[in-house]
Protein backbone atom coordinates (compact mmCIF):
# COMPACT_ATOMS: atom_id res chain seq x y z
CA MET A 1 0.00 0.00 0.00
CA THR A 2 1.37 3.41 -0.98
CA VAL A 3 1.04 6.26 1.47
CA ASP A 4 0.00 9.51 -0.24
CA ARG A 5 1.61 12.05 2.10
CA TYR A 6 1.28 14.95 -0.32
CA GLY A 7 -2.22 14.37 -1.65
CA ASP A 8 -1.00 13.59 -5.17
CA ASN A 9 -4.03 11.35 -5.73
CA ASP A 10 -6.55 13.97 -4.60
CA PRO A 11 -8.05 15.72 -7.67
CA GLU A 12 -9.11 18.81 -5.70
CA LEU A 13 -5.64 19.24 -4.23
CA ARG A 14 -4.04 18.82 -7.67
CA SER A 15 -6.40 21.47 -9.04
CA LEU A 16 -5.56 23.88 -6.21
CA ARG A 17 -1.84 23.33 -6.79
CA ARG A 18 -2.23 24.05 -10.52
CA GLU A 19 -4.22 27.21 -9.79
CA LEU A 20 -1.63 28.46 -7.31
CA SER A 21 1.19 27.67 -9.72
CA ALA A 22 -0.63 29.52 -12.53
CA ARG A 23 -1.02 32.57 -10.31
CA PHE A 24 2.68 32.54 -9.44
CA ASP A 25 3.51 32.23 -13.14
CA ALA A 26 1.08 35.00 -14.19
CA ARG A 27 3.21 37.80 -12.81
CA PRO A 28 6.89 37.82 -11.83
CA ALA A 29 7.49 38.11 -8.08
CA ASN A 30 9.53 41.27 -8.57
CA GLU A 31 6.29 42.96 -9.74
CA TRP A 32 4.19 41.89 -6.76
CA PRO A 33 2.91 44.68 -4.50
CA VAL A 34 4.40 44.87 -1.03
CA ASP A 35 1.02 44.10 0.60
CA LEU A 36 0.76 40.84 -1.35
CA LEU A 37 4.28 39.83 -0.31
CA ARG A 38 3.53 40.55 3.35
CA ALA A 39 0.25 38.62 3.17
CA LEU A 40 1.87 35.58 1.54
CA ILE A 41 4.67 35.53 4.10
CA ARG A 42 2.13 35.63 6.94
CA VAL A 43 0.08 32.84 5.39
CA PHE A 44 3.19 30.67 5.01
CA ASP A 45 4.14 31.45 8.62
CA LEU A 46 0.65 30.43 9.81
CA ALA A 47 1.02 27.15 7.92
CA GLY A 48 4.39 26.56 9.61
CA ILE A 49 6.35 27.00 6.39
CA LYS A 50 9.46 29.00 7.24
CA PRO A 51 12.80 29.23 5.49
CA ALA A 52 15.89 27.77 7.05
CA PRO A 53 17.78 30.39 9.03
CA GLU A 54 20.69 31.99 7.25
CA PRO A 55 24.03 30.62 8.44
CA PHE A 56 26.02 32.81 10.79
CA ARG A 57 28.84 34.58 8.99
CA PRO A 58 31.33 36.16 11.35
CA TYR A 59 33.09 39.28 10.15
CA VAL A 60 35.79 41.57 11.45
CA VAL A 61 34.76 45.04 12.50
CA LYS A 62 37.53 47.57 11.96
């Protein structure tokens, strides 16, 4: 038995993924308004989707 962890066999989920992908493709991210960017970041945060922290890069202060 195959476990479908990502909902690949769910037609509604596939449709939602296609719609989201089409919206991302419709307009380059560098043209998105700041309010849209903030809203998307908050939605991803609410869903628990956060980027990996940037690695610490020590530097010398002169």
